[in-house]
ModelCIF file with pLDDT and N, C-alpha, C, O atoms, coordinates in Angstrom:
data_MODEL
#
_entry.id   MODEL 
#
_entity.id                         1 
_entity.type                       polymer 
_entity.pdbx_number_of_molecules   1 
#
_entity_poly.entity_id                      1 
_entity_poly.type                           'polypeptide(L)' 
_entity_poly.nstd_linkage                   no 
_entity_poly.nstd_monomer                   no 
_entity_poly.pdbx_seq_one_letter_code       RTLQAGKLTEKVLKLFVDTGSEEILALIHSLNIKPILTPVLP 
_entity_poly.pdbx_seq_one_letter_code_can   RTLQAGKLTEKVLKLFVDTGSEEILALIHSLNIKPILTPVLP 
_entity_poly.pdbx_strand_id                 A 
#
loop_
_entity_poly_seq.entity_id 
_entity_poly_seq.num 
_entity_poly_seq.mon_id 
_entity_poly_seq.hetero 
1 1  ARG n 
1 2  THR n 
1 3  LEU n 
1 4  GLN n 
1 5  ALA n 
1 6  GLY n 
1 7  LYS n 
1 8  LEU n 
1 9  THR n 
1 10 GLU n 
1 11 LYS n 
1 12 VAL n 
1 13 LEU n 
1 14 LYS n 
1 15 LEU n 
1 16 PHE n 
1 17 VAL n 
1 18 ASP n 
1 19 THR n 
1 20 GLY n 
1 21 SER n 
1 22 GLU n 
1 23 GLU n 
1 24 ILE n 
1 25 LEU n 
1 26 ALA n 
1 27 LEU n 
1 28 ILE n 
1 29 HIS n 
1 30 SER n 
1 31 LEU n 
1 32 ASN n 
1 33 ILE n 
1 34 LYS n 
1 35 PRO n 
1 36 ILE n 
1 37 LEU n 
1 38 THR n 
1 39 PRO n 
1 40 VAL n 
1 41 LEU n 
1 42 PRO n 
#
_struct_asym.id          A 
_struct_asym.entity_id   1 
#
loop_
_ma_qa_metric.id 
_ma_qa_metric.mode 
_ma_qa_metric.name 
_ma_qa_metric.software_group_id 
_ma_qa_metric.type 
1 global pLDDT . pLDDT 
2 local  pLDDT . pLDDT 
#
_ma_qa_metric_global.metric_id      1 
_ma_qa_metric_global.metric_value   90.12 
_ma_qa_metric_global.model_id       1 
_ma_qa_metric_global.ordinal_id     1 
#
loop_
_ma_qa_metric_local.label_asym_id 
_ma_qa_metric_local.label_comp_id 
_ma_qa_metric_local.label_seq_id 
_ma_qa_metric_local.metric_id 
_ma_qa_metric_local.metric_value 
_ma_qa_metric_local.model_id 
_ma_qa_metric_local.ordinal_id 
A ARG 1  2 96.00 1 1  
A THR 2  2 95.00 1 2  
A LEU 3  2 94.00 1 3  
A GLN 4  2 95.00 1 4  
A ALA 5  2 94.00 1 5  
A GLY 6  2 93.00 1 6  
A LYS 7  2 94.00 1 7  
A LEU 8  2 93.00 1 8  
A THR 9  2 92.00 1 9  
A GLU 10 2 91.00 1 10 
A LYS 11 2 93.00 1 11 
A VAL 12 2 94.00 1 12 
A LEU 13 2 94.00 1 13 
A LYS 14 2 93.00 1 14 
A LEU 15 2 94.00 1 15 
A PHE 16 2 95.00 1 16 
A VAL 17 2 94.00 1 17 
A ASP 18 2 94.00 1 18 
A THR 19 2 94.00 1 19 
A GLY 20 2 92.00 1 20 
A SER 21 2 93.00 1 21 
A GLU 22 2 94.00 1 22 
A GLU 23 2 95.00 1 23 
A ILE 24 2 94.00 1 24 
A LEU 25 2 94.00 1 25 
A ALA 26 2 95.00 1 26 
A LEU 27 2 94.00 1 27 
A ILE 28 2 94.00 1 28 
A HIS 29 2 94.00 1 29 
A SER 30 2 95.00 1 30 
A LEU 31 2 92.00 1 31 
A ASN 32 2 92.00 1 32 
A ILE 33 2 90.00 1 33 
A LYS 34 2 85.00 1 34 
A PRO 35 2 80.00 1 35 
A ILE 36 2 78.00 1 36 
A LEU 37 2 76.00 1 37 
A THR 38 2 76.00 1 38 
A PRO 39 2 77.00 1 39 
A VAL 40 2 76.00 1 40 
A LEU 41 2 75.00 1 41 
A PRO 42 2 72.00 1 42 
#
loop_
_atom_site.group_PDB 
_atom_site.id 
_atom_site.type_symbol 
_atom_site.label_atom_id 
_atom_site.label_alt_id 
_atom_site.label_comp_id 
_atom_site.label_asym_id 
_atom_site.label_entity_id 
_atom_site.label_seq_id 
_atom_site.pdbx_PDB_ins_code 
_atom_site.Cartn_x 
_atom_site.Cartn_y 
_atom_site.Cartn_z 
_atom_site.occupancy 
_atom_site.B_iso_or_equiv 
_atom_site.pdbx_formal_charge 
_atom_site.auth_seq_id 
_atom_site.auth_comp_id 
_atom_site.auth_asym_id 
_atom_site.auth_atom_id 
_atom_site.pdbx_PDB_model_num 
ATOM 1   N N  . ARG A 1 1  ? -8.276  4.462   9.050   1.00 96.00 ? 1  ARG A N  1 
ATOM 2   C CA . ARG A 1 1  ? -8.264  5.919   9.196   1.00 96.00 ? 1  ARG A CA 1 
ATOM 3   C C  . ARG A 1 1  ? -6.952  6.898   8.122   1.00 96.00 ? 1  ARG A C  1 
ATOM 4   O O  . ARG A 1 1  ? -6.965  8.060   7.716   1.00 96.00 ? 1  ARG A O  1 
ATOM 5   N N  . THR A 1 2  ? -6.272  6.148   8.013   1.00 95.00 ? 2  THR A N  1 
ATOM 6   C CA . THR A 1 2  ? -5.111  7.003   7.105   1.00 95.00 ? 2  THR A CA 1 
ATOM 7   C C  . THR A 1 2  ? -5.821  6.988   5.103   1.00 95.00 ? 2  THR A C  1 
ATOM 8   O O  . THR A 1 2  ? -5.608  7.708   4.128   1.00 95.00 ? 2  THR A O  1 
ATOM 9   N N  . LEU A 1 3  ? -6.578  5.901   5.330   1.00 94.00 ? 3  LEU A N  1 
ATOM 10  C CA . LEU A 1 3  ? -7.287  5.758   3.900   1.00 94.00 ? 3  LEU A CA 1 
ATOM 11  C C  . LEU A 1 3  ? -8.255  7.053   4.031   1.00 94.00 ? 3  LEU A C  1 
ATOM 12  O O  . LEU A 1 3  ? -7.787  8.069   3.516   1.00 94.00 ? 3  LEU A O  1 
ATOM 13  N N  . GLN A 1 4  ? -9.571  7.184   4.657   1.00 95.00 ? 4  GLN A N  1 
ATOM 14  C CA . GLN A 1 4  ? -10.272 8.270   5.206   1.00 95.00 ? 4  GLN A CA 1 
ATOM 15  C C  . GLN A 1 4  ? -9.292  9.888   4.763   1.00 95.00 ? 4  GLN A C  1 
ATOM 16  O O  . GLN A 1 4  ? -9.405  10.712  3.855   1.00 95.00 ? 4  GLN A O  1 
ATOM 17  N N  . ALA A 1 5  ? -8.475  9.757   5.799   1.00 94.00 ? 5  ALA A N  1 
ATOM 18  C CA . ALA A 1 5  ? -8.068  11.003  6.086   1.00 94.00 ? 5  ALA A CA 1 
ATOM 19  C C  . ALA A 1 5  ? -7.014  11.177  4.745   1.00 94.00 ? 5  ALA A C  1 
ATOM 20  O O  . ALA A 1 5  ? -6.353  12.216  4.755   1.00 94.00 ? 5  ALA A O  1 
ATOM 21  N N  . GLY A 1 6  ? -6.789  10.175  3.511   1.00 93.00 ? 6  GLY A N  1 
ATOM 22  C CA . GLY A 1 6  ? -6.176  10.524  2.355   1.00 93.00 ? 6  GLY A CA 1 
ATOM 23  C C  . GLY A 1 6  ? -4.878  11.006  2.241   1.00 93.00 ? 6  GLY A C  1 
ATOM 24  O O  . GLY A 1 6  ? -4.398  11.952  1.617   1.00 93.00 ? 6  GLY A O  1 
ATOM 25  N N  . LYS A 1 7  ? -4.154  9.688   3.381   1.00 94.00 ? 7  LYS A N  1 
ATOM 26  C CA . LYS A 1 7  ? -2.615  9.998   3.010   1.00 94.00 ? 7  LYS A CA 1 
ATOM 27  C C  . LYS A 1 7  ? -2.126  8.891   2.893   1.00 94.00 ? 7  LYS A C  1 
ATOM 28  O O  . LYS A 1 7  ? -0.964  8.787   3.286   1.00 94.00 ? 7  LYS A O  1 
ATOM 29  N N  . LEU A 1 8  ? -2.828  7.608   2.295   1.00 93.00 ? 8  LEU A N  1 
ATOM 30  C CA . LEU A 1 8  ? -1.780  6.722   1.925   1.00 93.00 ? 8  LEU A CA 1 
ATOM 31  C C  . LEU A 1 8  ? -0.650  7.315   0.575   1.00 93.00 ? 8  LEU A C  1 
ATOM 32  O O  . LEU A 1 8  ? -0.796  7.899   -0.499  1.00 93.00 ? 8  LEU A O  1 
ATOM 33  N N  . THR A 1 9  ? 0.071   6.969   1.083   1.00 92.00 ? 9  THR A N  1 
ATOM 34  C CA . THR A 1 9  ? 1.130   7.481   -0.379  1.00 92.00 ? 9  THR A CA 1 
ATOM 35  C C  . THR A 1 9  ? 2.057   5.820   -0.015  1.00 92.00 ? 9  THR A C  1 
ATOM 36  O O  . THR A 1 9  ? 2.064   4.817   0.698   1.00 92.00 ? 9  THR A O  1 
ATOM 37  N N  . GLU A 1 10 ? 2.852   6.647   -1.315  1.00 91.00 ? 10 GLU A N  1 
ATOM 38  C CA . GLU A 1 10 ? 3.715   5.142   -1.478  1.00 91.00 ? 10 GLU A CA 1 
ATOM 39  C C  . GLU A 1 10 ? 4.046   4.337   -0.516  1.00 91.00 ? 10 GLU A C  1 
ATOM 40  O O  . GLU A 1 10 ? 3.740   3.182   -0.220  1.00 91.00 ? 10 GLU A O  1 
ATOM 41  N N  . LYS A 1 11 ? 5.049   5.525   0.136   1.00 93.00 ? 11 LYS A N  1 
ATOM 42  C CA . LYS A 1 11 ? 6.350   5.364   1.592   1.00 93.00 ? 11 LYS A CA 1 
ATOM 43  C C  . LYS A 1 11 ? 5.084   4.693   2.980   1.00 93.00 ? 11 LYS A C  1 
ATOM 44  O O  . LYS A 1 11 ? 5.380   3.829   3.805   1.00 93.00 ? 11 LYS A O  1 
ATOM 45  N N  . VAL A 1 12 ? 3.912   5.293   2.889   1.00 94.00 ? 12 VAL A N  1 
ATOM 46  C CA . VAL A 1 12 ? 2.738   4.318   3.866   1.00 94.00 ? 12 VAL A CA 1 
ATOM 47  C C  . VAL A 1 12 ? 2.398   3.639   3.771   1.00 94.00 ? 12 VAL A C  1 
ATOM 48  O O  . VAL A 1 12 ? 1.994   2.988   4.735   1.00 94.00 ? 12 VAL A O  1 
ATOM 49  N N  . LEU A 1 13 ? 2.255   3.128   2.188   1.00 94.00 ? 13 LEU A N  1 
ATOM 50  C CA . LEU A 1 13 ? 1.789   1.900   2.135   1.00 94.00 ? 13 LEU A CA 1 
ATOM 51  C C  . LEU A 1 13 ? 2.564   0.752   2.280   1.00 94.00 ? 13 LEU A C  1 
ATOM 52  O O  . LEU A 1 13 ? 2.166   -0.310  2.759   1.00 94.00 ? 13 LEU A O  1 
ATOM 53  N N  . LYS A 1 14 ? 3.900   1.037   1.771   1.00 93.00 ? 14 LYS A N  1 
ATOM 54  C CA . LYS A 1 14 ? 5.458   0.336   2.151   1.00 93.00 ? 14 LYS A CA 1 
ATOM 55  C C  . LYS A 1 14 ? 5.436   0.045   3.433   1.00 93.00 ? 14 LYS A C  1 
ATOM 56  O O  . LYS A 1 14 ? 5.364   -1.144  3.744   1.00 93.00 ? 14 LYS A O  1 
ATOM 57  N N  . LEU A 1 15 ? 5.506   1.254   4.653   1.00 94.00 ? 15 LEU A N  1 
ATOM 58  C CA . LEU A 1 15 ? 5.138   0.503   6.201   1.00 94.00 ? 15 LEU A CA 1 
ATOM 59  C C  . LEU A 1 15 ? 3.884   -0.284  6.297   1.00 94.00 ? 15 LEU A C  1 
ATOM 60  O O  . LEU A 1 15 ? 3.850   -0.983  7.310   1.00 94.00 ? 15 LEU A O  1 
ATOM 61  N N  . PHE A 1 16 ? 2.872   -0.364  5.547   1.00 95.00 ? 16 PHE A N  1 
ATOM 62  C CA . PHE A 1 16 ? 1.700   -1.129  6.020   1.00 95.00 ? 16 PHE A CA 1 
ATOM 63  C C  . PHE A 1 16 ? 2.073   -2.507  5.603   1.00 95.00 ? 16 PHE A C  1 
ATOM 64  O O  . PHE A 1 16 ? 1.760   -3.501  6.258   1.00 95.00 ? 16 PHE A O  1 
ATOM 65  N N  . VAL A 1 17 ? 2.761   -2.538  4.480   1.00 94.00 ? 17 VAL A N  1 
ATOM 66  C CA . VAL A 1 17 ? 3.145   -4.039  4.057   1.00 94.00 ? 17 VAL A CA 1 
ATOM 67  C C  . VAL A 1 17 ? 4.132   -4.529  4.463   1.00 94.00 ? 17 VAL A C  1 
ATOM 68  O O  . VAL A 1 17 ? 4.367   -5.734  4.379   1.00 94.00 ? 17 VAL A O  1 
ATOM 69  N N  . ASP A 1 18 ? 4.765   -3.823  4.895   1.00 94.00 ? 18 ASP A N  1 
ATOM 70  C CA . ASP A 1 18 ? 6.333   -4.171  5.717   1.00 94.00 ? 18 ASP A CA 1 
ATOM 71  C C  . ASP A 1 18 ? 6.261   -4.966  7.004   1.00 94.00 ? 18 ASP A C  1 
ATOM 72  O O  . ASP A 1 18 ? 7.120   -5.634  7.579   1.00 94.00 ? 18 ASP A O  1 
ATOM 73  N N  . THR A 1 19 ? 4.904   -4.689  7.315   1.00 94.00 ? 19 THR A N  1 
ATOM 74  C CA . THR A 1 19 ? 4.411   -5.022  9.114   1.00 94.00 ? 19 THR A CA 1 
ATOM 75  C C  . THR A 1 19 ? 4.112   -6.486  8.581   1.00 94.00 ? 19 THR A C  1 
ATOM 76  O O  . THR A 1 19 ? 4.856   -7.301  9.127   1.00 94.00 ? 19 THR A O  1 
ATOM 77  N N  . GLY A 1 20 ? 3.345   -6.979  7.785   1.00 92.00 ? 20 GLY A N  1 
ATOM 78  C CA . GLY A 1 20 ? 3.679   -8.822  7.610   1.00 92.00 ? 20 GLY A CA 1 
ATOM 79  C C  . GLY A 1 20 ? 2.002   -8.716  8.427   1.00 92.00 ? 20 GLY A C  1 
ATOM 80  O O  . GLY A 1 20 ? 1.929   -9.553  9.326   1.00 92.00 ? 20 GLY A O  1 
ATOM 81  N N  . SER A 1 21 ? 1.083   -8.112  8.316   1.00 93.00 ? 21 SER A N  1 
ATOM 82  C CA . SER A 1 21 ? 0.300   -8.472  8.886   1.00 93.00 ? 21 SER A CA 1 
ATOM 83  C C  . SER A 1 21 ? -0.644  -8.930  7.960   1.00 93.00 ? 21 SER A C  1 
ATOM 84  O O  . SER A 1 21 ? -1.135  -8.127  7.166   1.00 93.00 ? 21 SER A O  1 
ATOM 85  N N  . GLU A 1 22 ? -1.062  -10.463 7.952   1.00 94.00 ? 22 GLU A N  1 
ATOM 86  C CA . GLU A 1 22 ? -1.867  -11.066 7.015   1.00 94.00 ? 22 GLU A CA 1 
ATOM 87  C C  . GLU A 1 22 ? -3.021  -10.198 7.014   1.00 94.00 ? 22 GLU A C  1 
ATOM 88  O O  . GLU A 1 22 ? -3.367  -9.804  5.900   1.00 94.00 ? 22 GLU A O  1 
ATOM 89  N N  . GLU A 1 23 ? -3.914  -9.686  8.331   1.00 95.00 ? 23 GLU A N  1 
ATOM 90  C CA . GLU A 1 23 ? -5.187  -8.826  7.726   1.00 95.00 ? 23 GLU A CA 1 
ATOM 91  C C  . GLU A 1 23 ? -4.919  -7.294  7.046   1.00 95.00 ? 23 GLU A C  1 
ATOM 92  O O  . GLU A 1 23 ? -5.766  -6.811  6.294   1.00 95.00 ? 23 GLU A O  1 
ATOM 93  N N  . ILE A 1 24 ? -3.815  -6.661  7.339   1.00 94.00 ? 24 ILE A N  1 
ATOM 94  C CA . ILE A 1 24 ? -3.560  -5.907  6.590   1.00 94.00 ? 24 ILE A CA 1 
ATOM 95  C C  . ILE A 1 24 ? -3.131  -5.754  4.899   1.00 94.00 ? 24 ILE A C  1 
ATOM 96  O O  . ILE A 1 24 ? -3.384  -4.897  4.052   1.00 94.00 ? 24 ILE A O  1 
ATOM 97  N N  . LEU A 1 25 ? -2.471  -6.851  4.886   1.00 94.00 ? 25 LEU A N  1 
ATOM 98  C CA . LEU A 1 25 ? -2.433  -7.682  3.261   1.00 94.00 ? 25 LEU A CA 1 
ATOM 99  C C  . LEU A 1 25 ? -3.520  -7.825  2.655   1.00 94.00 ? 25 LEU A C  1 
ATOM 100 O O  . LEU A 1 25 ? -3.464  -7.500  1.469   1.00 94.00 ? 25 LEU A O  1 
ATOM 101 N N  . ALA A 1 26 ? -4.860  -8.328  3.156   1.00 95.00 ? 26 ALA A N  1 
ATOM 102 C CA . ALA A 1 26 ? -5.992  -9.146  2.740   1.00 95.00 ? 26 ALA A CA 1 
ATOM 103 C C  . ALA A 1 26 ? -6.684  -8.070  2.394   1.00 95.00 ? 26 ALA A C  1 
ATOM 104 O O  . ALA A 1 26 ? -7.282  -8.207  1.326   1.00 95.00 ? 26 ALA A O  1 
ATOM 105 N N  . LEU A 1 27 ? -6.861  -6.665  3.121   1.00 94.00 ? 27 LEU A N  1 
ATOM 106 C CA . LEU A 1 27 ? -7.737  -5.654  3.161   1.00 94.00 ? 27 LEU A CA 1 
ATOM 107 C C  . LEU A 1 27 ? -6.717  -4.560  1.616   1.00 94.00 ? 27 LEU A C  1 
ATOM 108 O O  . LEU A 1 27 ? -7.301  -3.941  0.726   1.00 94.00 ? 27 LEU A O  1 
ATOM 109 N N  . ILE A 1 28 ? -5.391  -4.648  1.756   1.00 94.00 ? 28 ILE A N  1 
ATOM 110 C CA . ILE A 1 28 ? -4.581  -4.231  0.842   1.00 94.00 ? 28 ILE A CA 1 
ATOM 111 C C  . ILE A 1 28 ? -5.057  -5.035  -0.478  1.00 94.00 ? 28 ILE A C  1 
ATOM 112 O O  . ILE A 1 28 ? -4.699  -4.335  -1.425  1.00 94.00 ? 28 ILE A O  1 
ATOM 113 N N  . HIS A 1 29 ? -5.607  -6.019  -0.887  1.00 94.00 ? 29 HIS A N  1 
ATOM 114 C CA . HIS A 1 29 ? -5.737  -6.586  -1.614  1.00 94.00 ? 29 HIS A CA 1 
ATOM 115 C C  . HIS A 1 29 ? -7.286  -6.660  -2.010  1.00 94.00 ? 29 HIS A C  1 
ATOM 116 O O  . HIS A 1 29 ? -7.758  -6.758  -3.142  1.00 94.00 ? 29 HIS A O  1 
ATOM 117 N N  . SER A 1 30 ? -7.935  -6.591  -0.820  1.00 95.00 ? 30 SER A N  1 
ATOM 118 C CA . SER A 1 30 ? -9.477  -6.688  -0.822  1.00 95.00 ? 30 SER A CA 1 
ATOM 119 C C  . SER A 1 30 ? -9.596  -5.637  -2.090  1.00 95.00 ? 30 SER A C  1 
ATOM 120 O O  . SER A 1 30 ? -10.099 -5.914  -3.179  1.00 95.00 ? 30 SER A O  1 
ATOM 121 N N  . LEU A 1 31 ? -8.900  -4.102  -1.626  1.00 92.00 ? 31 LEU A N  1 
ATOM 122 C CA . LEU A 1 31 ? -9.320  -3.012  -2.207  1.00 92.00 ? 31 LEU A CA 1 
ATOM 123 C C  . LEU A 1 31 ? -8.828  -2.394  -3.378  1.00 92.00 ? 31 LEU A C  1 
ATOM 124 O O  . LEU A 1 31 ? -9.027  -1.241  -3.758  1.00 92.00 ? 31 LEU A O  1 
ATOM 125 N N  . ASN A 1 32 ? -7.880  -3.671  -4.131  1.00 92.00 ? 32 ASN A N  1 
ATOM 126 C CA . ASN A 1 32 ? -6.855  -3.396  -4.885  1.00 92.00 ? 32 ASN A CA 1 
ATOM 127 C C  . ASN A 1 32 ? -5.969  -2.384  -4.900  1.00 92.00 ? 32 ASN A C  1 
ATOM 128 O O  . ASN A 1 32 ? -5.725  -1.600  -5.817  1.00 92.00 ? 32 ASN A O  1 
ATOM 129 N N  . ILE A 1 33 ? -5.569  -2.445  -3.979  1.00 90.00 ? 33 ILE A N  1 
ATOM 130 C CA . ILE A 1 33 ? -4.568  -1.198  -3.733  1.00 90.00 ? 33 ILE A CA 1 
ATOM 131 C C  . ILE A 1 33 ? -2.989  -2.058  -4.575  1.00 90.00 ? 33 ILE A C  1 
ATOM 132 O O  . ILE A 1 33 ? -2.534  -3.197  -4.463  1.00 90.00 ? 33 ILE A O  1 
ATOM 133 N N  . LYS A 1 34 ? -2.616  -1.035  -5.259  1.00 85.00 ? 34 LYS A N  1 
ATOM 134 C CA . LYS A 1 34 ? -1.154  -1.544  -5.955  1.00 85.00 ? 34 LYS A CA 1 
ATOM 135 C C  . LYS A 1 34 ? -0.265  -0.541  -5.963  1.00 85.00 ? 34 LYS A C  1 
ATOM 136 O O  . LYS A 1 34 ? -0.557  0.572   -6.403  1.00 85.00 ? 34 LYS A O  1 
ATOM 137 N N  . PRO A 1 35 ? 0.945   -0.852  -5.459  1.00 80.00 ? 35 PRO A N  1 
ATOM 138 C CA . PRO A 1 35 ? 1.759   0.188   -5.359  1.00 80.00 ? 35 PRO A CA 1 
ATOM 139 C C  . PRO A 1 35 ? 2.347   0.641   -6.858  1.00 80.00 ? 35 PRO A C  1 
ATOM 140 O O  . PRO A 1 35 ? 1.984   -0.121  -7.754  1.00 80.00 ? 35 PRO A O  1 
ATOM 141 N N  . ILE A 1 36 ? 3.012   1.514   -7.189  1.00 78.00 ? 36 ILE A N  1 
ATOM 142 C CA . ILE A 1 36 ? 3.323   2.665   -7.655  1.00 78.00 ? 36 ILE A CA 1 
ATOM 143 C C  . ILE A 1 36 ? 4.922   2.056   -8.647  1.00 78.00 ? 36 ILE A C  1 
ATOM 144 O O  . ILE A 1 36 ? 6.040   1.964   -8.140  1.00 78.00 ? 36 ILE A O  1 
ATOM 145 N N  . LEU A 1 37 ? 4.653   1.798   -9.772  1.00 76.00 ? 37 LEU A N  1 
ATOM 146 C CA . LEU A 1 37 ? 5.558   1.058   -10.608 1.00 76.00 ? 37 LEU A CA 1 
ATOM 147 C C  . LEU A 1 37 ? 6.482   1.789   -11.479 1.00 76.00 ? 37 LEU A C  1 
ATOM 148 O O  . LEU A 1 37 ? 6.384   1.648   -12.698 1.00 76.00 ? 37 LEU A O  1 
ATOM 149 N N  . THR A 1 38 ? 7.655   2.801   -10.806 1.00 76.00 ? 38 THR A N  1 
ATOM 150 C CA . THR A 1 38 ? 8.276   3.651   -11.601 1.00 76.00 ? 38 THR A CA 1 
ATOM 151 C C  . THR A 1 38 ? 8.888   2.635   -12.812 1.00 76.00 ? 38 THR A C  1 
ATOM 152 O O  . THR A 1 38 ? 9.334   1.547   -12.449 1.00 76.00 ? 38 THR A O  1 
ATOM 153 N N  . PRO A 1 39 ? 8.906   2.919   -13.971 1.00 77.00 ? 39 PRO A N  1 
ATOM 154 C CA . PRO A 1 39 ? 9.011   2.402   -15.431 1.00 77.00 ? 39 PRO A CA 1 
ATOM 155 C C  . PRO A 1 39 ? 10.811  3.019   -14.997 1.00 77.00 ? 39 PRO A C  1 
ATOM 156 O O  . PRO A 1 39 ? 11.131  4.079   -14.459 1.00 77.00 ? 39 PRO A O  1 
ATOM 157 N N  . VAL A 1 40 ? 11.905  1.610   -15.598 1.00 76.00 ? 40 VAL A N  1 
ATOM 158 C CA . VAL A 1 40 ? 13.007  1.893   -16.060 1.00 76.00 ? 40 VAL A CA 1 
ATOM 159 C C  . VAL A 1 40 ? 13.503  1.695   -17.317 1.00 76.00 ? 40 VAL A C  1 
ATOM 160 O O  . VAL A 1 40 ? 13.668  0.599   -17.852 1.00 76.00 ? 40 VAL A O  1 
ATOM 161 N N  . LEU A 1 41 ? 13.742  2.780   -17.786 1.00 75.00 ? 41 LEU A N  1 
ATOM 162 C CA . LEU A 1 41 ? 14.404  3.389   -18.980 1.00 75.00 ? 41 LEU A CA 1 
ATOM 163 C C  . LEU A 1 41 ? 15.404  2.261   -19.102 1.00 75.00 ? 41 LEU A C  1 
ATOM 164 O O  . LEU A 1 41 ? 16.090  1.901   -18.145 1.00 75.00 ? 41 LEU A O  1 
ATOM 165 N N  . PRO A 1 42 ? 15.468  1.720   -20.283 1.00 72.00 ? 42 PRO A N  1 
ATOM 166 C CA . PRO A 1 42 ? 16.818  1.105   -20.699 1.00 72.00 ? 42 PRO A CA 1 
ATOM 167 C C  . PRO A 1 42 ? 18.396  2.051   -20.943 1.00 72.00 ? 42 PRO A C  1 
ATOM 168 O O  . PRO A 1 42 ? 19.424  1.462   -21.277 1.00 72.00 ? 42 PRO A O  1 
#
């Protein structure tokens, strides 16, 4: 429902990943959802 509503932000994605649910992690992987990597300037 979060995906359908367009409310999946970086923080919300982390909330779902932090649950450790194998089904959620598999769903995230199957949808090819990846966290945004913020570049770090040297």
